Amino acid sequence: MIEGDEVTRRVLWSLPTGLYVLGTVGEPGSGPWNLMTINLVTQVATAPRVVAFSVEADSLSAALISSGGVAALSVIAREDRALIRRFVKPASAVEVDPALGTGSISGEPVAIVGSGAPVLRAAPAWLDLEIVGSTALGSHVLHLGKVVGAAASEAFVAGRASDRAFEVLRMEDTRMSYGG
């Protein structure tokens, strides 16, 4: 067996995970807003439904979650893999009209969901989250988000229920690596 830091990185990279875009808002209804590529997401409770996700402690999204207390998770289709690269840095060109519930972030059309956080209009599914807990873990903060809303396209629902016609973007679908 081979050991060492590079082996650790490769093993961590191989863990099954999706790639998503996390929407955050500093103050629901007035902004600022951000979208960020994220891969550390999993469901951790069923009653109520809660997902856990991790963001870098010094990121803009972490600061917005801390002040806004909400987030929204956009699920990305495998065919839209180029989309996630647009949000590996803080978003630019944020043009959101909270009264209309629409706008664009980094040139991508968004909708503002019930919590006030943005989701990508291109997303085939999304979850709206109320933050119910957070734990600092050194380089990252683990957040617990209670699901307060969700929506999905018919293709997403049909693909999940039957022939896998729709597949969620996964880390191995890209050349990105996030293994610590």
N, C-alpha and C. Protein backbone atom coordinates (compact mmCIF):
# COMPACT_ATOMS: atom_id res chain seq x y z
N MET A 1 0.85 -1.18 0.00
CA MET A 1 0.00 0.00 0.00
C MET A 1 0.89 1.24 0.00
N ILE A 2 0.46 2.24 -0.74
CA ILE A 2 1.16 3.52 -0.81
C ILE A 2 0.50 4.47 0.18
N GLU A 3 1.30 5.24 0.89
CA GLU A 3 0.78 6.21 1.85
C GLU A 3 1.34 7.58 1.55
N GLY A 4 0.76 8.59 2.18
CA GLY A 4 1.27 9.94 2.05
C GLY A 4 0.18 10.94 1.70
N ASP A 5 0.58 12.22 1.65
CA ASP A 5 -0.36 13.31 1.42
C ASP A 5 -1.04 13.20 0.05
N GLU A 6 -0.31 12.86 -0.99
CA GLU A 6 -0.91 12.75 -2.32
C GLU A 6 -1.92 11.61 -2.37
N VAL A 7 -1.64 10.51 -1.69
CA VAL A 7 -2.59 9.40 -1.62
C VAL A 7 -3.85 9.85 -0.88
N THR A 8 -3.67 10.54 0.23
CA THR A 8 -4.81 11.05 1.00
C THR A 8 -5.68 11.94 0.11
N ARG A 9 -5.04 12.83 -0.63
CA ARG A 9 -5.77 13.74 -1.53
C ARG A 9 -6.56 12.95 -2.57
N ARG A 10 -5.94 11.93 -3.16
CA ARG A 10 -6.64 11.14 -4.19
C ARG A 10 -7.81 10.36 -3.60
N VAL A 11 -7.64 9.82 -2.40
CA VAL A 11 -8.73 9.07 -1.77
C VAL A 11 -9.89 10.01 -1.45
N LEU A 12 -9.58 11.20 -0.89
CA LEU A 12 -10.64 12.16 -0.59
C LEU A 12 -11.35 12.60 -1.87
N TRP A 13 -10.61 12.81 -2.94
CA TRP A 13 -11.19 13.23 -4.20
C TRP A 13 -12.14 12.15 -4.76
N SER A 14 -11.85 10.90 -4.46
CA SER A 14 -12.66 9.81 -5.02
C SER A 14 -13.98 9.59 -4.29
N LEU A 15 -14.17 10.21 -3.12
CA LEU A 15 -15.43 10.02 -2.40
C LEU A 15 -16.59 10.55 -3.25
N PRO A 16 -17.66 9.79 -3.36
CA PRO A 16 -18.79 10.22 -4.19
C PRO A 16 -19.37 11.54 -3.69
N THR A 17 -19.50 12.49 -4.58
CA THR A 17 -20.08 13.78 -4.22
C THR A 17 -20.59 14.47 -5.47
N GLY A 18 -21.55 15.34 -5.29
CA GLY A 18 -22.07 16.12 -6.40
C GLY A 18 -21.39 17.48 -6.45
N LEU A 19 -21.73 18.25 -7.45
CA LEU A 19 -21.31 19.65 -7.55
C LEU A 19 -22.58 20.47 -7.68
N TYR A 20 -22.66 21.50 -6.90
CA TYR A 20 -23.86 22.33 -6.81
C TYR A 20 -23.45 23.79 -6.83
N VAL A 21 -24.44 24.67 -6.90
CA VAL A 21 -24.19 26.10 -6.74
C VAL A 21 -25.02 26.56 -5.55
N LEU A 22 -24.34 27.15 -4.57
CA LEU A 22 -24.98 27.63 -3.34
C LEU A 22 -25.26 29.12 -3.48
N GLY A 23 -26.52 29.51 -3.28
CA GLY A 23 -26.90 30.91 -3.29
C GLY A 23 -27.03 31.43 -1.87
N THR A 24 -26.49 32.63 -1.64
CA THR A 24 -26.55 33.22 -0.30
C THR A 24 -26.96 34.69 -0.42
N VAL A 25 -27.45 35.22 0.69
CA VAL A 25 -27.85 36.63 0.75
C VAL A 25 -27.53 37.15 2.14
N GLY A 26 -26.96 38.35 2.21
CA GLY A 26 -26.60 38.95 3.50
C GLY A 26 -27.81 39.37 4.31
N GLU A 27 -28.78 39.95 3.64
CA GLU A 27 -30.03 40.33 4.29
C GLU A 27 -31.17 40.06 3.31
N PRO A 28 -32.00 39.06 3.62
CA PRO A 28 -33.09 38.73 2.70
C PRO A 28 -33.91 39.98 2.36
N GLY A 29 -34.13 40.16 1.07
CA GLY A 29 -34.89 41.30 0.61
C GLY A 29 -34.06 42.47 0.14
N SER A 30 -32.77 42.52 0.58
CA SER A 30 -31.97 43.67 0.16
C SER A 30 -30.55 43.33 -0.26
N GLY A 31 -30.08 42.11 -0.05
CA GLY A 31 -28.74 41.72 -0.51
C GLY A 31 -27.67 41.99 0.53
N PRO A 32 -26.44 41.87 0.17
CA PRO A 32 -25.92 41.43 -1.13
C PRO A 32 -26.14 39.93 -1.36
N TRP A 33 -26.02 39.53 -2.63
CA TRP A 33 -26.24 38.15 -3.04
C TRP A 33 -24.95 37.57 -3.58
N ASN A 34 -24.82 36.24 -3.49
CA ASN A 34 -23.65 35.55 -4.06
C ASN A 34 -24.06 34.15 -4.50
N LEU A 35 -23.33 33.63 -5.45
CA LEU A 35 -23.43 32.23 -5.87
C LEU A 35 -22.04 31.63 -5.77
N MET A 36 -21.95 30.38 -5.29
CA MET A 36 -20.66 29.74 -5.08
C MET A 36 -20.76 28.25 -5.41
N THR A 37 -19.76 27.74 -6.13
CA THR A 37 -19.67 26.31 -6.38
C THR A 37 -19.39 25.60 -5.06
N ILE A 38 -20.09 24.49 -4.86
CA ILE A 38 -19.97 23.74 -3.60
C ILE A 38 -20.10 22.25 -3.90
N ASN A 39 -19.38 21.42 -3.14
CA ASN A 39 -19.53 19.99 -3.35
C ASN A 39 -19.79 19.22 -2.06
N LEU A 40 -19.60 19.82 -0.93
CA LEU A 40 -19.76 19.11 0.33
C LEU A 40 -21.19 19.27 0.84
N VAL A 41 -22.10 18.41 0.36
CA VAL A 41 -23.52 18.49 0.69
C VAL A 41 -24.06 17.08 0.91
N THR A 42 -24.85 16.90 1.98
CA THR A 42 -25.53 15.62 2.19
C THR A 42 -26.74 15.82 3.10
N GLN A 43 -27.75 14.99 2.92
CA GLN A 43 -28.91 15.02 3.81
C GLN A 43 -28.52 14.35 5.12
N VAL A 44 -28.88 14.99 6.24
CA VAL A 44 -28.51 14.44 7.55
C VAL A 44 -29.71 14.16 8.46
N ALA A 45 -30.91 14.58 8.08
CA ALA A 45 -32.11 14.29 8.87
C ALA A 45 -33.32 14.28 7.94
N THR A 46 -34.35 13.51 8.36
CA THR A 46 -35.55 13.41 7.54
C THR A 46 -36.76 14.11 8.16
N ALA A 47 -36.77 14.33 9.47
CA ALA A 47 -37.90 14.98 10.12
C ALA A 47 -37.39 15.91 11.22
N PRO A 48 -37.22 17.19 10.94
CA PRO A 48 -37.43 17.84 9.66
C PRO A 48 -36.31 17.47 8.69
N ARG A 49 -36.53 17.76 7.42
CA ARG A 49 -35.49 17.50 6.41
C ARG A 49 -34.38 18.54 6.58
N VAL A 50 -33.18 18.03 6.76
CA VAL A 50 -32.02 18.89 6.98
C VAL A 50 -30.87 18.40 6.12
N VAL A 51 -30.18 19.33 5.47
CA VAL A 51 -28.96 19.01 4.74
C VAL A 51 -27.79 19.69 5.44
N ALA A 52 -26.64 19.05 5.36
CA ALA A 52 -25.40 19.63 5.86
C ALA A 52 -24.56 20.03 4.66
N PHE A 53 -23.92 21.18 4.76
CA PHE A 53 -23.01 21.62 3.70
C PHE A 53 -21.90 22.43 4.33
N SER A 54 -20.78 22.41 3.66
CA SER A 54 -19.58 23.05 4.19
C SER A 54 -19.08 24.11 3.22
N VAL A 55 -18.71 25.27 3.76
CA VAL A 55 -18.14 26.35 2.95
C VAL A 55 -16.86 26.84 3.62
N GLU A 56 -15.96 27.38 2.82
CA GLU A 56 -14.72 27.91 3.36
C GLU A 56 -15.04 29.02 4.36
N ALA A 57 -14.37 28.98 5.51
CA ALA A 57 -14.65 29.90 6.60
C ALA A 57 -14.42 31.36 6.22
N ASP A 58 -13.46 31.64 5.35
CA ASP A 58 -13.17 33.03 5.00
C ASP A 58 -13.82 33.46 3.68
N SER A 59 -14.80 32.71 3.20
CA SER A 59 -15.44 33.04 1.92
C SER A 59 -16.55 34.07 2.11
N LEU A 60 -16.89 34.74 1.02
CA LEU A 60 -18.01 35.68 1.02
C LEU A 60 -19.29 34.95 1.40
N SER A 61 -19.49 33.75 0.88
CA SER A 61 -20.71 33.00 1.20
C SER A 61 -20.83 32.72 2.69
N ALA A 62 -19.73 32.39 3.35
CA ALA A 62 -19.78 32.14 4.80
C ALA A 62 -20.23 33.40 5.54
N ALA A 63 -19.72 34.55 5.13
CA ALA A 63 -20.12 35.80 5.77
C ALA A 63 -21.60 36.10 5.53
N LEU A 64 -22.08 35.85 4.30
CA LEU A 64 -23.48 36.10 4.00
C LEU A 64 -24.40 35.16 4.76
N ILE A 65 -24.01 33.89 4.89
CA ILE A 65 -24.81 32.94 5.67
C ILE A 65 -24.87 33.38 7.12
N SER A 66 -23.76 33.84 7.64
CA SER A 66 -23.71 34.29 9.03
C SER A 66 -24.67 35.45 9.28
N SER A 67 -24.76 36.37 8.33
CA SER A 67 -25.64 37.53 8.53
C SER A 67 -27.07 37.27 8.07
N GLY A 68 -27.25 36.50 7.00
CA GLY A 68 -28.59 36.29 6.45
C GLY A 68 -29.35 35.12 7.03
N GLY A 69 -28.63 34.08 7.46
CA GLY A 69 -29.27 32.92 8.06
C GLY A 69 -30.02 32.01 7.10
N VAL A 70 -29.78 32.17 5.79
CA VAL A 70 -30.46 31.35 4.79
C VAL A 70 -29.48 31.01 3.67
N ALA A 71 -29.87 30.06 2.86
CA ALA A 71 -29.10 29.69 1.66
C ALA A 71 -30.04 28.92 0.74
N ALA A 72 -29.62 28.75 -0.51
CA ALA A 72 -30.39 27.95 -1.46
C ALA A 72 -29.41 27.14 -2.29
N LEU A 73 -29.73 25.90 -2.53
CA LEU A 73 -28.85 24.99 -3.24
C LEU A 73 -29.41 24.67 -4.62
N SER A 74 -28.69 25.07 -5.68
CA SER A 74 -29.08 24.75 -7.05
C SER A 74 -28.40 23.46 -7.47
N VAL A 75 -29.18 22.47 -7.91
CA VAL A 75 -28.65 21.22 -8.43
C VAL A 75 -28.26 21.48 -9.88
N ILE A 76 -27.12 20.96 -10.31
CA ILE A 76 -26.62 21.20 -11.65
C ILE A 76 -26.65 19.89 -12.44
N ALA A 77 -27.12 19.98 -13.68
CA ALA A 77 -27.15 18.81 -14.56
C ALA A 77 -25.75 18.52 -15.08
N ARG A 78 -25.47 17.26 -15.31
CA ARG A 78 -24.15 16.86 -15.85
C ARG A 78 -23.81 17.61 -17.13
N GLU A 79 -24.80 17.83 -17.97
CA GLU A 79 -24.55 18.50 -19.24
C GLU A 79 -24.17 19.97 -19.06
N ASP A 80 -24.39 20.54 -17.88
CA ASP A 80 -24.08 21.95 -17.62
C ASP A 80 -22.80 22.12 -16.80
N ARG A 81 -21.85 21.20 -16.95
CA ARG A 81 -20.64 21.22 -16.12
C ARG A 81 -19.85 22.52 -16.22
N ALA A 82 -19.89 23.20 -17.35
CA ALA A 82 -19.13 24.45 -17.49
C ALA A 82 -19.69 25.55 -16.58
N LEU A 83 -20.93 25.44 -16.22
CA LEU A 83 -21.59 26.44 -15.38
C LEU A 83 -20.93 26.61 -14.02
N ILE A 84 -20.51 25.52 -13.42
CA ILE A 84 -19.99 25.60 -12.05
C ILE A 84 -18.67 26.36 -11.97
N ARG A 85 -17.90 26.38 -13.04
CA ARG A 85 -16.62 27.12 -13.03
C ARG A 85 -16.83 28.63 -12.92
N ARG A 86 -18.01 29.10 -13.28
CA ARG A 86 -18.29 30.54 -13.19
C ARG A 86 -18.42 31.01 -11.75
N PHE A 87 -18.55 30.08 -10.81
CA PHE A 87 -18.83 30.47 -9.43
C PHE A 87 -17.80 29.95 -8.44
N VAL A 88 -16.58 29.73 -8.90
CA VAL A 88 -15.52 29.31 -7.98
C VAL A 88 -14.88 30.52 -7.28
N LYS A 89 -15.17 31.71 -7.74
CA LYS A 89 -14.74 32.96 -7.11
C LYS A 89 -16.00 33.74 -6.76
N PRO A 90 -15.90 34.74 -5.86
CA PRO A 90 -17.10 35.53 -5.56
C PRO A 90 -17.74 36.06 -6.84
N ALA A 91 -19.06 36.07 -6.85
CA ALA A 91 -19.81 36.47 -8.03
C ALA A 91 -19.53 37.92 -8.40
N SER A 92 -19.64 38.19 -9.69
CA SER A 92 -19.49 39.56 -10.19
C SER A 92 -20.77 39.96 -10.90
N ALA A 93 -20.89 41.23 -11.21
CA ALA A 93 -22.04 41.74 -11.95
C ALA A 93 -23.36 41.23 -11.37
N VAL A 94 -23.60 41.57 -10.11
CA VAL A 94 -24.83 41.16 -9.43
C VAL A 94 -25.91 42.19 -9.70
N GLU A 95 -26.94 41.76 -10.41
CA GLU A 95 -28.07 42.62 -10.74
C GLU A 95 -29.34 41.89 -10.35
N VAL A 96 -29.84 42.17 -9.15
CA VAL A 96 -31.01 41.48 -8.62
C VAL A 96 -32.07 42.51 -8.24
N ASP A 97 -33.31 42.25 -8.64
CA ASP A 97 -34.44 43.07 -8.24
C ASP A 97 -35.29 42.24 -7.29
N PRO A 98 -35.11 42.47 -5.97
CA PRO A 98 -35.84 41.63 -5.01
C PRO A 98 -37.36 41.78 -5.12
N ALA A 99 -37.84 42.93 -5.58
CA ALA A 99 -39.28 43.11 -5.73
C ALA A 99 -39.84 42.20 -6.82
N LEU A 100 -39.08 42.01 -7.88
CA LEU A 100 -39.50 41.12 -8.97
C LEU A 100 -39.09 39.67 -8.73
N GLY A 101 -38.09 39.47 -7.86
CA GLY A 101 -37.61 38.12 -7.58
C GLY A 101 -36.77 37.54 -8.69
N THR A 102 -36.16 38.41 -9.50
CA THR A 102 -35.35 37.96 -10.62
C THR A 102 -34.08 38.80 -10.74
N GLY A 103 -33.22 38.38 -11.63
CA GLY A 103 -32.01 39.12 -11.90
C GLY A 103 -30.97 38.23 -12.53
N SER A 104 -29.71 38.66 -12.40
CA SER A 104 -28.61 37.84 -12.91
C SER A 104 -27.41 38.03 -11.99
N ILE A 105 -26.62 37.00 -11.91
CA ILE A 105 -25.38 37.02 -11.14
C ILE A 105 -24.31 36.43 -12.03
N SER A 106 -23.24 37.17 -12.23
CA SER A 106 -22.16 36.77 -13.14
C SER A 106 -22.72 36.39 -14.51
N GLY A 107 -23.76 37.11 -14.95
CA GLY A 107 -24.34 36.89 -16.26
C GLY A 107 -25.33 35.74 -16.35
N GLU A 108 -25.55 35.00 -15.27
CA GLU A 108 -26.48 33.87 -15.27
C GLU A 108 -27.82 34.29 -14.65
N PRO A 109 -28.92 34.04 -15.34
CA PRO A 109 -30.23 34.38 -14.79
C PRO A 109 -30.51 33.64 -13.48
N VAL A 110 -31.06 34.39 -12.50
CA VAL A 110 -31.39 33.82 -11.20
C VAL A 110 -32.83 34.15 -10.84
N ALA A 111 -33.36 33.37 -9.92
CA ALA A 111 -34.64 33.65 -9.29
C ALA A 111 -34.36 33.76 -7.80
N ILE A 112 -35.08 34.63 -7.13
CA ILE A 112 -34.98 34.76 -5.68
C ILE A 112 -36.10 33.92 -5.09
N VAL A 113 -35.74 32.93 -4.27
CA VAL A 113 -36.73 32.02 -3.69
C VAL A 113 -37.25 32.57 -2.37
N GLY A 114 -38.13 31.83 -1.73
CA GLY A 114 -38.82 32.29 -0.52
C GLY A 114 -37.94 32.87 0.57
N SER A 115 -36.78 32.28 0.81
CA SER A 115 -35.89 32.76 1.86
C SER A 115 -35.20 34.07 1.50
N GLY A 116 -35.19 34.42 0.22
CA GLY A 116 -34.46 35.60 -0.25
C GLY A 116 -33.15 35.26 -0.91
N ALA A 117 -32.77 33.99 -0.90
CA ALA A 117 -31.51 33.55 -1.52
C ALA A 117 -31.74 33.28 -3.01
N PRO A 118 -30.68 33.41 -3.82
CA PRO A 118 -30.82 33.17 -5.26
C PRO A 118 -30.61 31.71 -5.65
N VAL A 119 -31.31 31.29 -6.70
CA VAL A 119 -31.06 30.00 -7.35
C VAL A 119 -30.88 30.27 -8.83
N LEU A 120 -30.12 29.40 -9.49
CA LEU A 120 -29.93 29.52 -10.93
C LEU A 120 -31.20 29.11 -11.67
N ARG A 121 -31.64 29.92 -12.62
CA ARG A 121 -32.80 29.55 -13.42
C ARG A 121 -32.52 28.30 -14.25
N ALA A 122 -31.27 28.06 -14.58
CA ALA A 122 -30.89 26.88 -15.36
C ALA A 122 -30.92 25.60 -14.53
N ALA A 123 -31.02 25.72 -13.22
CA ALA A 123 -31.00 24.54 -12.35
C ALA A 123 -32.27 23.72 -12.54
N PRO A 124 -32.12 22.41 -12.75
CA PRO A 124 -33.30 21.56 -12.88
C PRO A 124 -33.99 21.28 -11.54
N ALA A 125 -33.32 21.63 -10.43
CA ALA A 125 -33.91 21.45 -9.12
C ALA A 125 -33.19 22.34 -8.12
N TRP A 126 -33.89 22.70 -7.05
CA TRP A 126 -33.24 23.50 -6.00
C TRP A 126 -33.91 23.25 -4.66
N LEU A 127 -33.15 23.56 -3.60
CA LEU A 127 -33.63 23.50 -2.22
C LEU A 127 -33.45 24.87 -1.59
N ASP A 128 -34.46 25.34 -0.86
CA ASP A 128 -34.39 26.58 -0.11
C ASP A 128 -34.15 26.19 1.35
N LEU A 129 -33.16 26.83 1.98
CA LEU A 129 -32.70 26.39 3.30
C LEU A 129 -32.70 27.50 4.35
N GLU A 130 -33.18 27.16 5.52
CA GLU A 130 -33.05 28.02 6.70
C GLU A 130 -31.93 27.44 7.56
N ILE A 131 -30.92 28.22 7.87
CA ILE A 131 -29.78 27.72 8.64
C ILE A 131 -30.23 27.50 10.09
N VAL A 132 -30.05 26.26 10.57
CA VAL A 132 -30.46 25.91 11.93
C VAL A 132 -29.28 25.53 12.81
N GLY A 133 -28.08 25.56 12.28
CA GLY A 133 -26.89 25.26 13.07
C GLY A 133 -25.64 25.42 12.24
N SER A 134 -24.55 25.75 12.90
CA SER A 134 -23.25 25.91 12.23
C SER A 134 -22.15 25.51 13.18
N THR A 135 -21.10 24.90 12.64
CA THR A 135 -19.94 24.49 13.45
C THR A 135 -18.67 24.83 12.69
N ALA A 136 -17.79 25.58 13.36
CA ALA A 136 -16.50 25.91 12.76
C ALA A 136 -15.61 24.67 12.77
N LEU A 137 -14.98 24.39 11.63
CA LEU A 137 -14.12 23.22 11.49
C LEU A 137 -12.76 23.62 10.91
N GLY A 138 -12.16 24.65 11.43
CA GLY A 138 -10.87 25.10 10.90
C GLY A 138 -11.05 25.85 9.60
N SER A 139 -10.64 25.24 8.49
CA SER A 139 -10.71 25.91 7.19
C SER A 139 -12.14 26.11 6.69
N HIS A 140 -13.10 25.35 7.21
CA HIS A 140 -14.47 25.40 6.74
C HIS A 140 -15.46 25.55 7.90
N VAL A 141 -16.68 25.93 7.55
CA VAL A 141 -17.79 25.96 8.49
C VAL A 141 -18.84 24.99 7.97
N LEU A 142 -19.28 24.08 8.83
CA LEU A 142 -20.33 23.14 8.49
C LEU A 142 -21.66 23.77 8.90
N HIS A 143 -22.55 23.92 7.93
CA HIS A 143 -23.87 24.50 8.19
C HIS A 143 -24.93 23.42 8.07
N LEU A 144 -25.97 23.54 8.87
CA LEU A 144 -27.14 22.68 8.78
C LEU A 144 -28.29 23.54 8.29
N GLY A 145 -28.89 23.11 7.18
CA GLY A 145 -29.97 23.87 6.60
C GLY A 145 -31.25 23.07 6.55
N LYS A 146 -32.28 23.58 7.24
CA LYS A 146 -33.60 22.94 7.20
C LYS A 146 -34.25 23.31 5.87
N VAL A 147 -34.76 22.31 5.17
CA VAL A 147 -35.40 22.54 3.88
C VAL A 147 -36.76 23.21 4.11
N VAL A 148 -36.90 24.43 3.58
CA VAL A 148 -38.15 25.18 3.73
C VAL A 148 -38.87 25.35 2.38
N GLY A 149 -38.24 24.88 1.32
CA GLY A 149 -38.85 24.94 0.00
C GLY A 149 -38.02 24.14 -0.98
N ALA A 150 -38.64 23.72 -2.06
CA ALA A 150 -37.94 22.96 -3.09
C ALA A 150 -38.76 23.01 -4.37
N ALA A 151 -38.07 22.86 -5.48
CA ALA A 151 -38.74 22.76 -6.78
C ALA A 151 -37.85 21.95 -7.71
N ALA A 152 -38.48 21.29 -8.68
CA ALA A 152 -37.73 20.50 -9.66
C ALA A 152 -38.50 20.47 -10.96
N SER A 153 -37.74 20.38 -12.05
CA SER A 153 -38.36 20.26 -13.37
C SER A 153 -38.97 18.86 -13.52
N GLU A 154 -39.89 18.73 -14.47
CA GLU A 154 -40.48 17.42 -14.74
C GLU A 154 -39.41 16.42 -15.16
N ALA A 155 -38.44 16.87 -15.96
CA ALA A 155 -37.37 15.97 -16.42
C ALA A 155 -36.55 15.45 -15.24
N PHE A 156 -36.30 16.31 -14.27
CA PHE A 156 -35.55 15.90 -13.09
C PHE A 156 -36.32 14.83 -12.31
N VAL A 157 -37.58 15.09 -12.07
CA VAL A 157 -38.41 14.15 -11.31
C VAL A 157 -38.54 12.83 -12.06
N ALA A 158 -38.78 12.88 -13.36
CA ALA A 158 -38.92 11.66 -14.15
C ALA A 158 -37.61 10.88 -14.19
N GLY A 159 -36.50 11.58 -14.33
CA GLY A 159 -35.20 10.91 -14.38
C GLY A 159 -34.85 10.25 -13.07
N ARG A 160 -35.21 10.84 -11.98
CA ARG A 160 -34.94 10.26 -10.67
C ARG A 160 -35.80 9.03 -10.43
N ALA A 161 -37.01 9.05 -10.93
CA ALA A 161 -37.94 7.98 -10.61
C ALA A 161 -37.83 6.78 -11.54
N SER A 162 -37.22 6.96 -12.72
CA SER A 162 -37.28 5.85 -13.66
C SER A 162 -35.92 5.51 -14.27
N ASP A 163 -35.64 6.01 -15.43
CA ASP A 163 -34.52 5.51 -16.24
C ASP A 163 -33.23 6.31 -16.14
N ARG A 164 -33.05 7.09 -15.12
CA ARG A 164 -31.85 7.92 -14.95
C ARG A 164 -31.63 8.84 -16.15
N ALA A 165 -32.73 9.30 -16.75
CA ALA A 165 -32.63 10.20 -17.90
C ALA A 165 -31.93 11.50 -17.50
N PHE A 166 -32.02 11.84 -16.25
CA PHE A 166 -31.36 13.04 -15.75
C PHE A 166 -30.31 12.63 -14.73
N GLU A 167 -29.11 13.18 -14.86
CA GLU A 167 -28.08 12.88 -13.87
C GLU A 167 -27.47 14.17 -13.36
N VAL A 168 -27.22 14.19 -12.05
CA VAL A 168 -26.63 15.34 -11.37
C VAL A 168 -25.13 15.38 -11.65
N LEU A 169 -24.60 16.57 -11.82
CA LEU A 169 -23.17 16.76 -12.02
C LEU A 169 -22.41 16.25 -10.80
N ARG A 170 -21.33 15.51 -11.05
CA ARG A 170 -20.50 14.97 -9.97
C ARG A 170 -19.07 15.44 -10.15
N MET A 171 -18.31 15.39 -9.09
CA MET A 171 -16.93 15.86 -9.12
C MET A 171 -16.12 15.15 -10.21
N GLU A 172 -16.34 13.86 -10.37
CA GLU A 172 -15.54 13.12 -11.35
C GLU A 172 -15.88 13.48 -12.80
N ASP A 173 -16.97 14.26 -13.00
CA ASP A 173 -17.33 14.72 -14.33
C ASP A 173 -16.48 15.91 -14.78
N THR A 174 -15.66 16.43 -13.87
CA THR A 174 -14.85 17.62 -14.17
C THR A 174 -13.38 17.30 -13.92
N ARG A 175 -12.54 18.23 -14.20
CA ARG A 175 -11.12 18.09 -13.87
C ARG A 175 -10.80 18.82 -12.57
N MET A 176 -11.84 19.25 -11.87
CA MET A 176 -11.64 19.95 -10.61
C MET A 176 -11.25 18.92 -9.55
N SER A 177 -10.44 19.36 -8.59
CA SER A 177 -10.14 18.47 -7.46
C SER A 177 -10.28 19.25 -6.18
N TYR A 178 -10.87 18.61 -5.22
CA TYR A 178 -11.10 19.25 -3.92
C TYR A 178 -10.91 18.17 -2.86
N GLY A 179 -9.70 17.77 -2.68
CA GLY A 179 -9.43 16.69 -1.75
C GLY A 179 -8.63 17.12 -0.55
N GLY A 180 -8.62 18.40 -0.26
CA GLY A 180 -7.93 18.88 0.93
C GLY A 180 -6.44 18.99 0.76
